[in-house]
Amino acid sequence: MIWHKYISKLSGWLFGLLLVTLGILNLLLVHPVTGLIYLFLALIFLPPISRAFKKHFRLYIPVALKIILGIVILWFTLGISDLAEIYGL
């Protein structure tokens, strides 16, 4: 079961960095408010920030909720976001 820990961290880093990238692109190309929202949501997925929330604020977001939130964010980004229209996705 140790592989579960590494897959969880790796997926957190990958999705967190994806959201940071989407946030920066939205800040520069679309609208600053949506860019800031993506950057804030990236904090939920990045493992060091997630551990800090858990340690300092006792705020823990279950993995299942993170997966659902990730699917909704990707659906929103690729389906109805202005960024998808700019790049023709």
PDB file of N, CA and C in Angstrom:
ATOM      1  N   MET A   1       0.805  -1.202   0.000  1.00  0.00           N
ATOM      2  CA  MET A   1       0.000   0.000   0.000  1.00  0.00           C
ATOM      3  C   MET A   1       0.848   1.266   0.000  1.00  0.00           C
ATOM      4  N   ILE A   2       2.155   1.130   0.021  1.00  0.00           N
ATOM      5  CA  ILE A   2       3.004   2.318   0.025  1.00  0.00           C
ATOM      6  C   ILE A   2       2.932   3.047  -1.319  1.00  0.00           C
ATOM      7  N   TRP A   3       2.609   2.312  -2.392  1.00  0.00           N
ATOM      8  CA  TRP A   3       2.505   2.945  -3.703  1.00  0.00           C
ATOM      9  C   TRP A   3       1.358   3.934  -3.745  1.00  0.00           C
ATOM     10  N   HIS A   4       0.323   3.714  -2.944  1.00  0.00           N
ATOM     11  CA  HIS A   4      -0.829   4.623  -2.892  1.00  0.00           C
ATOM     12  C   HIS A   4      -0.388   6.016  -2.430  1.00  0.00           C
ATOM     13  N   LYS A   5       0.520   6.053  -1.492  1.00  0.00           N
ATOM     14  CA  LYS A   5       1.028   7.321  -0.964  1.00  0.00           C
ATOM     15  C   LYS A   5       1.774   8.109  -2.047  1.00  0.00           C
ATOM     16  N   TYR A   6       2.603   7.403  -2.821  1.00  0.00           N
ATOM     17  CA  TYR A   6       3.371   8.076  -3.869  1.00  0.00           C
ATOM     18  C   TYR A   6       2.486   8.521  -5.032  1.00  0.00           C
ATOM     19  N   ILE A   7       1.519   7.700  -5.389  1.00  0.00           N
ATOM     20  CA  ILE A   7       0.603   8.082  -6.471  1.00  0.00           C
ATOM     21  C   ILE A   7      -0.227   9.286  -6.052  1.00  0.00           C
ATOM     22  N   SER A   8      -0.629   9.320  -4.801  1.00  0.00           N
ATOM     23  CA  SER A   8      -1.402  10.449  -4.297  1.00  0.00           C
ATOM     24  C   SER A   8      -0.585  11.741  -4.333  1.00  0.00           C
ATOM     25  N   LYS A   9       0.668  11.667  -3.914  1.00  0.00           N
ATOM     26  CA  LYS A   9       1.526  12.861  -3.949  1.00  0.00           C
ATOM     27  C   LYS A   9       1.811  13.299  -5.376  1.00  0.00           C
ATOM     28  N   LEU A  10       2.115  12.340  -6.247  1.00  0.00           N
ATOM     29  CA  LEU A  10       2.423  12.674  -7.635  1.00  0.00           C
ATOM     30  C   LEU A  10       1.214  13.299  -8.328  1.00  0.00           C
ATOM     31  N   SER A  11       0.044  12.726  -8.123  1.00  0.00           N
ATOM     32  CA  SER A  11      -1.151  13.287  -8.756  1.00  0.00           C
ATOM     33  C   SER A  11      -1.473  14.665  -8.179  1.00  0.00           C
ATOM     34  N   GLY A  12      -1.225  14.853  -6.887  1.00  0.00           N
ATOM     35  CA  GLY A  12      -1.427  16.174  -6.286  1.00  0.00           C
ATOM     36  C   GLY A  12      -0.509  17.215  -6.898  1.00  0.00           C
ATOM     37  N   TRP A  13       0.761  16.859  -7.069  1.00  0.00           N
ATOM     38  CA  TRP A  13       1.704  17.784  -7.695  1.00  0.00           C
ATOM     39  C   TRP A  13       1.329  18.086  -9.133  1.00  0.00           C
ATOM     40  N   LEU A  14       0.997  17.043  -9.893  1.00  0.00           N
ATOM     41  CA  LEU A  14       0.669  17.256 -11.310  1.00  0.00           C
ATOM     42  C   LEU A  14      -0.580  18.114 -11.481  1.00  0.00           C
ATOM     43  N   PHE A  15      -1.631  17.795 -10.756  1.00  0.00           N
ATOM     44  CA  PHE A  15      -2.861  18.564 -10.897  1.00  0.00           C
ATOM     45  C   PHE A  15      -2.705  19.967 -10.317  1.00  0.00           C
ATOM     46  N   GLY A  16      -1.961  20.092  -9.223  1.00  0.00           N
ATOM     47  CA  GLY A  16      -1.708  21.414  -8.653  1.00  0.00           C
ATOM     48  C   GLY A  16      -0.938  22.302  -9.615  1.00  0.00           C
ATOM     49  N   LEU A  17       0.095  21.740 -10.251  1.00  0.00           N
ATOM     50  CA  LEU A  17       0.870  22.523 -11.219  1.00  0.00           C
ATOM     51  C   LEU A  17       0.049  22.836 -12.469  1.00  0.00           C
ATOM     52  N   LEU A  18      -0.844  21.924 -12.848  1.00  0.00           N
ATOM     53  CA  LEU A  18      -1.751  22.208 -13.962  1.00  0.00           C
ATOM     54  C   LEU A  18      -2.649  23.398 -13.628  1.00  0.00           C
ATOM     55  N   LEU A  19      -3.158  23.436 -12.417  1.00  0.00           N
ATOM     56  CA  LEU A  19      -4.013  24.558 -12.008  1.00  0.00           C
ATOM     57  C   LEU A  19      -3.221  25.858 -11.896  1.00  0.00           C
ATOM     58  N   VAL A  20      -1.980  25.777 -11.464  1.00  0.00           N
ATOM     59  CA  VAL A  20      -1.144  26.988 -11.422  1.00  0.00           C
ATOM     60  C   VAL A  20      -0.948  27.512 -12.846  1.00  0.00           C
ATOM     61  N   THR A  21      -0.680  26.602 -13.782  1.00  0.00           N
ATOM     62  CA  THR A  21      -0.509  27.004 -15.183  1.00  0.00           C
ATOM     63  C   THR A  21      -1.794  27.622 -15.735  1.00  0.00           C
ATOM     64  N   LEU A  22      -2.926  26.982 -15.467  1.00  0.00           N
ATOM     65  CA  LEU A  22      -4.214  27.541 -15.917  1.00  0.00           C
ATOM     66  C   LEU A  22      -4.473  28.898 -15.272  1.00  0.00           C
ATOM     67  N   GLY A  23      -4.105  29.040 -14.016  1.00  0.00           N
ATOM     68  CA  GLY A  23      -4.284  30.317 -13.332  1.00  0.00           C
ATOM     69  C   GLY A  23      -3.465  31.422 -13.956  1.00  0.00           C
ATOM     70  N   ILE A  24      -2.211  31.120 -14.261  1.00  0.00           N
ATOM     71  CA  ILE A  24      -1.344  32.133 -14.886  1.00  0.00           C
ATOM     72  C   ILE A  24      -1.850  32.489 -16.275  1.00  0.00           C
ATOM     73  N   LEU A  25      -2.256  31.474 -17.053  1.00  0.00           N
ATOM     74  CA  LEU A  25      -2.800  31.758 -18.390  1.00  0.00           C
ATOM     75  C   LEU A  25      -4.070  32.593 -18.315  1.00  0.00           C
ATOM     76  N   ASN A  26      -4.936  32.289 -17.363  1.00  0.00           N
ATOM     77  CA  ASN A  26      -6.150  33.085 -17.205  1.00  0.00           C
ATOM     78  C   ASN A  26      -5.834  34.496 -16.747  1.00  0.00           C
ATOM     79  N   LEU A  27      -4.847  34.643 -15.874  1.00  0.00           N
ATOM     80  CA  LEU A  27      -4.453  35.987 -15.447  1.00  0.00           C
ATOM     81  C   LEU A  27      -3.983  36.829 -16.622  1.00  0.00           C
ATOM     82  N   LEU A  28      -3.206  36.226 -17.504  1.00  0.00           N
ATOM     83  CA  LEU A  28      -2.616  36.975 -18.610  1.00  0.00           C
ATOM     84  C   LEU A  28      -3.556  37.130 -19.807  1.00  0.00           C
ATOM     85  N   LEU A  29      -4.370  36.103 -20.101  1.00  0.00           N
ATOM     86  CA  LEU A  29      -5.115  36.100 -21.356  1.00  0.00           C
ATOM     87  C   LEU A  29      -6.608  36.342 -21.223  1.00  0.00           C
ATOM     88  N   VAL A  30      -7.204  35.983 -20.102  1.00  0.00           N
ATOM     89  CA  VAL A  30      -8.662  36.027 -20.023  1.00  0.00           C
ATOM     90  C   VAL A  30      -9.124  37.079 -19.028  1.00  0.00           C
ATOM     91  N   HIS A  31      -9.041  36.769 -17.744  1.00  0.00           N
ATOM     92  CA  HIS A  31      -9.550  37.668 -16.724  1.00  0.00           C
ATOM     93  C   HIS A  31      -8.831  37.385 -15.414  1.00  0.00           C
ATOM     94  N   PRO A  32      -8.432  38.412 -14.681  1.00  0.00           N
ATOM     95  CA  PRO A  32      -7.679  38.192 -13.447  1.00  0.00           C
ATOM     96  C   PRO A  32      -8.456  37.442 -12.362  1.00  0.00           C
ATOM     97  N   VAL A  33      -9.768  37.618 -12.315  1.00  0.00           N
ATOM     98  CA  VAL A  33     -10.547  36.963 -11.258  1.00  0.00           C
ATOM     99  C   VAL A  33     -10.506  35.443 -11.425  1.00  0.00           C
ATOM    100  N   THR A  34     -10.736  34.954 -12.637  1.00  0.00           N
ATOM    101  CA  THR A  34     -10.686  33.506 -12.844  1.00  0.00           C
ATOM    102  C   THR A  34      -9.271  32.975 -12.634  1.00  0.00           C
ATOM    103  N   GLY A  35      -8.273  33.752 -12.995  1.00  0.00           N
ATOM    104  CA  GLY A  35      -6.891  33.349 -12.751  1.00  0.00           C
ATOM    105  C   GLY A  35      -6.595  33.202 -11.275  1.00  0.00           C
ATOM    106  N   LEU A  36      -7.078  34.130 -10.473  1.00  0.00           N
ATOM    107  CA  LEU A  36      -6.870  34.041  -9.026  1.00  0.00           C
ATOM    108  C   LEU A  36      -7.638  32.869  -8.417  1.00  0.00           C
ATOM    109  N   ILE A  37      -8.810  32.575  -8.957  1.00  0.00           N
ATOM    110  CA  ILE A  37      -9.572  31.423  -8.463  1.00  0.00           C
ATOM    111  C   ILE A  37      -8.811  30.129  -8.746  1.00  0.00           C
ATOM    112  N   TYR A  38      -8.256  29.992  -9.960  1.00  0.00           N
ATOM    113  CA  TYR A  38      -7.472  28.800 -10.272  1.00  0.00           C
ATOM    114  C   TYR A  38      -6.237  28.700  -9.376  1.00  0.00           C
ATOM    115  N   LEU A  39      -5.583  29.810  -9.126  1.00  0.00           N
ATOM    116  CA  LEU A  39      -4.410  29.777  -8.252  1.00  0.00           C
ATOM    117  C   LEU A  39      -4.795  29.391  -6.830  1.00  0.00           C
ATOM    118  N   PHE A  40      -5.931  29.872  -6.354  1.00  0.00           N
ATOM    119  CA  PHE A  40      -6.399  29.484  -5.024  1.00  0.00           C
ATOM    120  C   PHE A  40      -6.744  28.001  -4.970  1.00  0.00           C
ATOM    121  N   LEU A  41      -7.411  27.490  -6.019  1.00  0.00           N
ATOM    122  CA  LEU A  41      -7.764  26.071  -6.053  1.00  0.00           C
ATOM    123  C   LEU A  41      -6.531  25.183  -6.140  1.00  0.00           C
ATOM    124  N   ALA A  42      -5.462  25.697  -6.731  1.00  0.00           N
ATOM    125  CA  ALA A  42      -4.224  24.917  -6.802  1.00  0.00           C
ATOM    126  C   ALA A  42      -3.683  24.645  -5.408  1.00  0.00           C
ATOM    127  N   LEU A  43      -3.959  25.526  -4.453  1.00  0.00           N
ATOM    128  CA  LEU A  43      -3.483  25.324  -3.087  1.00  0.00           C
ATOM    129  C   LEU A  43      -4.075  24.064  -2.460  1.00  0.00           C
ATOM    130  N   ILE A  44      -5.273  23.700  -2.866  1.00  0.00           N
ATOM    131  CA  ILE A  44      -5.924  22.519  -2.317  1.00  0.00           C
ATOM    132  C   ILE A  44      -5.195  21.249  -2.729  1.00  0.00           C
ATOM    133  N   PHE A  45      -4.631  21.241  -3.940  1.00  0.00           N
ATOM    134  CA  PHE A  45      -4.054  20.019  -4.490  1.00  0.00           C
ATOM    135  C   PHE A  45      -2.560  19.864  -4.228  1.00  0.00           C
ATOM    136  N   LEU A  46      -1.820  20.940  -4.040  1.00  0.00           N
ATOM    137  CA  LEU A  46      -0.378  20.834  -3.819  1.00  0.00           C
ATOM    138  C   LEU A  46      -0.105  20.206  -2.452  1.00  0.00           C
ATOM    139  N   PRO A  47       0.678  19.121  -2.411  1.00  0.00           N
ATOM    140  CA  PRO A  47       0.881  18.392  -1.151  1.00  0.00           C
ATOM    141  C   PRO A  47       1.444  19.220   0.009  1.00  0.00           C
ATOM    142  N   PRO A  48       2.452  20.092  -0.175  1.00  0.00           N
ATOM    143  CA  PRO A  48       2.930  20.844   0.992  1.00  0.00           C
ATOM    144  C   PRO A  48       1.878  21.795   1.567  1.00  0.00           C
ATOM    145  N   ILE A  49       1.112  22.414   0.707  1.00  0.00           N
ATOM    146  CA  ILE A  49       0.074  23.329   1.170  1.00  0.00           C
ATOM    147  C   ILE A  49      -1.059  22.545   1.831  1.00  0.00           C
ATOM    148  N   SER A  50      -1.389  21.402   1.252  1.00  0.00           N
ATOM    149  CA  SER A  50      -2.423  20.560   1.831  1.00  0.00           C
ATOM    150  C   SER A  50      -2.031  20.090   3.231  1.00  0.00           C
ATOM    151  N   ARG A  51      -0.751  19.719   3.407  1.00  0.00           N
ATOM    152  CA  ARG A  51      -0.272  19.328   4.741  1.00  0.00           C
ATOM    153  C   ARG A  51      -0.311  20.502   5.710  1.00  0.00           C
ATOM    154  N   ALA A  52       0.020  21.697   5.228  1.00  0.00           N
ATOM    155  CA  ALA A  52      -0.002  22.878   6.100  1.00  0.00           C
ATOM    156  C   ALA A  52      -1.427  23.194   6.542  1.00  0.00           C
ATOM    157  N   PHE A  53      -2.396  23.074   5.611  1.00  0.00           N
ATOM    158  CA  PHE A  53      -3.798  23.275   5.994  1.00  0.00           C
ATOM    159  C   PHE A  53      -4.217  22.272   7.062  1.00  0.00           C
ATOM    160  N   LYS A  54      -3.780  21.034   6.873  1.00  0.00           N
ATOM    161  CA  LYS A  54      -4.154  19.979   7.818  1.00  0.00           C
ATOM    162  C   LYS A  54      -3.504  20.221   9.188  1.00  0.00           C
ATOM    163  N   LYS A  55      -2.251  20.680   9.180  1.00  0.00           N
ATOM    164  CA  LYS A  55      -1.517  20.866  10.430  1.00  0.00           C
ATOM    165  C   LYS A  55      -1.968  22.119  11.181  1.00  0.00           C
ATOM    166  N   HIS A  56      -2.050  23.232  10.497  1.00  0.00           N
ATOM    167  CA  HIS A  56      -2.311  24.506  11.166  1.00  0.00           C
ATOM    168  C   HIS A  56      -3.797  24.817  11.362  1.00  0.00           C
ATOM    169  N   PHE A  57      -4.608  24.456  10.395  1.00  0.00           N
ATOM    170  CA  PHE A  57      -6.023  24.812  10.455  1.00  0.00           C
ATOM    171  C   PHE A  57      -6.933  23.619  10.725  1.00  0.00           C
ATOM    172  N   ARG A  58      -6.340  22.419  10.793  1.00  0.00           N
ATOM    173  CA  ARG A  58      -7.101  21.176  10.962  1.00  0.00           C
ATOM    174  C   ARG A  58      -8.157  21.019   9.861  1.00  0.00           C
ATOM    175  N   LEU A  59      -7.787  21.456   8.670  1.00  0.00           N
ATOM    176  CA  LEU A  59      -8.669  21.371   7.505  1.00  0.00           C
ATOM    177  C   LEU A  59      -8.158  20.261   6.600  1.00  0.00           C
ATOM    178  N   TYR A  60      -8.907  19.193   6.509  1.00  0.00           N
ATOM    179  CA  TYR A  60      -8.524  18.053   5.680  1.00  0.00           C
ATOM    180  C   TYR A  60      -9.592  17.824   4.619  1.00  0.00           C
ATOM    181  N   ILE A  61      -9.167  17.765   3.373  1.00  0.00           N
ATOM    182  CA  ILE A  61     -10.089  17.504   2.272  1.00  0.00           C
ATOM    183  C   ILE A  61      -9.845  16.067   1.817  1.00  0.00           C
ATOM    184  N   PRO A  62     -10.851  15.208   1.905  1.00  0.00           N
ATOM    185  CA  PRO A  62     -10.673  13.801   1.513  1.00  0.00           C
ATOM    186  C   PRO A  62     -10.303  13.662   0.040  1.00  0.00           C
ATOM    187  N   VAL A  63      -9.623  12.567  -0.265  1.00  0.00           N
ATOM    188  CA  VAL A  63      -9.159  12.316  -1.627  1.00  0.00           C
ATOM    189  C   VAL A  63     -10.339  12.218  -2.594  1.00  0.00           C
ATOM    190  N   ALA A  64     -11.407  11.596  -2.182  1.00  0.00           N
ATOM    191  CA  ALA A  64     -12.578  11.466  -3.065  1.00  0.00           C
ATOM    192  C   ALA A  64     -13.133  12.840  -3.438  1.00  0.00           C
ATOM    193  N   LEU A  65     -13.172  13.749  -2.488  1.00  0.00           N
ATOM    194  CA  LEU A  65     -13.650  15.100  -2.773  1.00  0.00           C
ATOM    195  C   LEU A  65     -12.684  15.842  -3.694  1.00  0.00           C
ATOM    196  N   LYS A  66     -11.387  15.607  -3.520  1.00  0.00           N
ATOM    197  CA  LYS A  66     -10.401  16.219  -4.415  1.00  0.00           C
ATOM    198  C   LYS A  66     -10.565  15.711  -5.845  1.00  0.00           C
ATOM    199  N   ILE A  67     -10.841  14.426  -5.989  1.00  0.00           N
ATOM    200  CA  ILE A  67     -11.044  13.859  -7.325  1.00  0.00           C
ATOM    201  C   ILE A  67     -12.285  14.460  -7.980  1.00  0.00           C
ATOM    202  N   ILE A  68     -13.369  14.546  -7.245  1.00  0.00           N
ATOM    203  CA  ILE A  68     -14.598  15.144  -7.778  1.00  0.00           C
ATOM    204  C   ILE A  68     -14.365  16.607  -8.136  1.00  0.00           C
ATOM    205  N   LEU A  69     -13.693  17.337  -7.262  1.00  0.00           N
ATOM    206  CA  LEU A  69     -13.389  18.739  -7.524  1.00  0.00           C
ATOM    207  C   LEU A  69     -12.486  18.882  -8.748  1.00  0.00           C
ATOM    208  N   GLY A  70     -11.522  17.979  -8.889  1.00  0.00           N
ATOM    209  CA  GLY A  70     -10.642  18.007 -10.055  1.00  0.00           C
ATOM    210  C   GLY A  70     -11.388  17.772 -11.354  1.00  0.00           C
ATOM    211  N   ILE A  71     -12.324  16.834 -11.349  1.00  0.00           N
ATOM    212  CA  ILE A  71     -13.121  16.564 -12.545  1.00  0.00           C
ATOM    213  C   ILE A  71     -13.987  17.773 -12.897  1.00  0.00           C
ATOM    214  N   VAL A  72     -14.580  18.386 -11.903  1.00  0.00           N
ATOM    215  CA  VAL A  72     -15.420  19.566 -12.144  1.00  0.00           C
ATOM    216  C   VAL A  72     -14.573  20.717 -12.684  1.00  0.00           C
ATOM    217  N   ILE A  73     -13.381  20.912 -12.137  1.00  0.00           N
ATOM    218  CA  ILE A  73     -12.509  21.995 -12.599  1.00  0.00           C
ATOM    219  C   ILE A  73     -12.095  21.760 -14.046  1.00  0.00           C
ATOM    220  N   LEU A  74     -11.707  20.519 -14.375  1.00  0.00           N
ATOM    221  CA  LEU A  74     -11.329  20.228 -15.761  1.00  0.00           C
ATOM    222  C   LEU A  74     -12.515  20.383 -16.709  1.00  0.00           C
ATOM    223  N   TRP A  75     -13.692  19.946 -16.283  1.00  0.00           N
ATOM    224  CA  TRP A  75     -14.879  20.098 -17.113  1.00  0.00           C
ATOM    225  C   TRP A  75     -15.165  21.576 -17.365  1.00  0.00           C
ATOM    226  N   PHE A  76     -15.061  22.373 -16.319  1.00  0.00           N
ATOM    227  CA  PHE A  76     -15.305  23.804 -16.459  1.00  0.00           C
ATOM    228  C   PHE A  76     -14.266  24.443 -17.374  1.00  0.00           C
ATOM    229  N   THR A  77     -13.014  24.067 -17.191  1.00  0.00           N
ATOM    230  CA  THR A  77     -11.939  24.670 -17.978  1.00  0.00           C
ATOM    231  C   THR A  77     -12.052  24.312 -19.450  1.00  0.00           C
ATOM    232  N   LEU A  78     -12.277  23.058 -19.744  1.00  0.00           N
ATOM    233  CA  LEU A  78     -12.299  22.627 -21.140  1.00  0.00           C
ATOM    234  C   LEU A  78     -13.659  22.814 -21.806  1.00  0.00           C
ATOM    235  N   GLY A  79     -14.702  22.912 -21.008  1.00  0.00           N
ATOM    236  CA  GLY A  79     -16.036  22.983 -21.583  1.00  0.00           C
ATOM    237  C   GLY A  79     -16.587  24.373 -21.754  1.00  0.00           C
ATOM    238  N   ILE A  80     -16.487  25.186 -20.713  1.00  0.00           N
ATOM    239  CA  ILE A  80     -17.170  26.471 -20.782  1.00  0.00           C
ATOM    240  C   ILE A  80     -16.267  27.655 -20.470  1.00  0.00           C
ATOM    241  N   SER A  81     -14.974  27.432 -20.391  1.00  0.00           N
ATOM    242  CA  SER A  81     -14.058  28.508 -20.072  1.00  0.00           C
ATOM    243  C   SER A  81     -13.690  29.304 -21.323  1.00  0.00           C
ATOM    244  N   ASP A  82     -13.370  30.569 -21.143  1.00  0.00           N
ATOM    245  CA  ASP A  82     -12.904  31.396 -22.257  1.00  0.00           C
ATOM    246  C   ASP A  82     -11.529  30.956 -22.734  1.00  0.00           C
ATOM    247  N   LEU A  83     -10.747  30.345 -21.868  1.00  0.00           N
ATOM    248  CA  LEU A  83      -9.421  29.884 -22.247  1.00  0.00           C
ATOM    249  C   LEU A  83      -9.508  28.789 -23.298  1.00  0.00           C
ATOM    250  N   ALA A  84     -10.518  27.938 -23.202  1.00  0.00           N
ATOM    251  CA  ALA A  84     -10.705  26.887 -24.204  1.00  0.00           C
ATOM    252  C   ALA A  84     -11.058  27.487 -25.561  1.00  0.00           C
ATOM    253  N   GLU A  85     -11.794  28.587 -25.576  1.00  0.00           N
ATOM    254  CA  GLU A  85     -12.155  29.226 -26.835  1.00  0.00           C
ATOM    255  C   GLU A  85     -10.945  29.892 -27.483  1.00  0.00           C
ATOM    256  N   ILE A  86     -10.038  30.412 -26.678  1.00  0.00           N
ATOM    257  CA  ILE A  86      -8.861  31.076 -27.226  1.00  0.00           C
ATOM    258  C   ILE A  86      -7.976  30.080 -27.966  1.00  0.00           C
ATOM    259  N   TYR A  87      -7.786  28.909 -27.391  1.00  0.00           N
ATOM    260  CA  TYR A  87      -6.899  27.916 -27.991  1.00  0.00           C
ATOM    261  C   TYR A  87      -7.634  26.900 -28.850  1.00  0.00           C
ATOM    262  N   GLY A  88      -8.927  27.024 -28.996  1.00  0.00           N
ATOM    263  CA  GLY A  88      -9.683  26.142 -29.865  1.00  0.00           C
ATOM    264  C   GLY A  88      -9.797  24.717 -29.335  1.00  0.00           C
ATOM    265  N   LEU A  89      -9.823  24.553 -28.021  1.00  0.00           N
ATOM    266  CA  LEU A  89      -9.933  23.205 -27.445  1.00  0.00           C
ATOM    267  C   LEU A  89     -11.377  22.753 -27.419  1.00  0.00           C
TER     268      LEU A  89
END
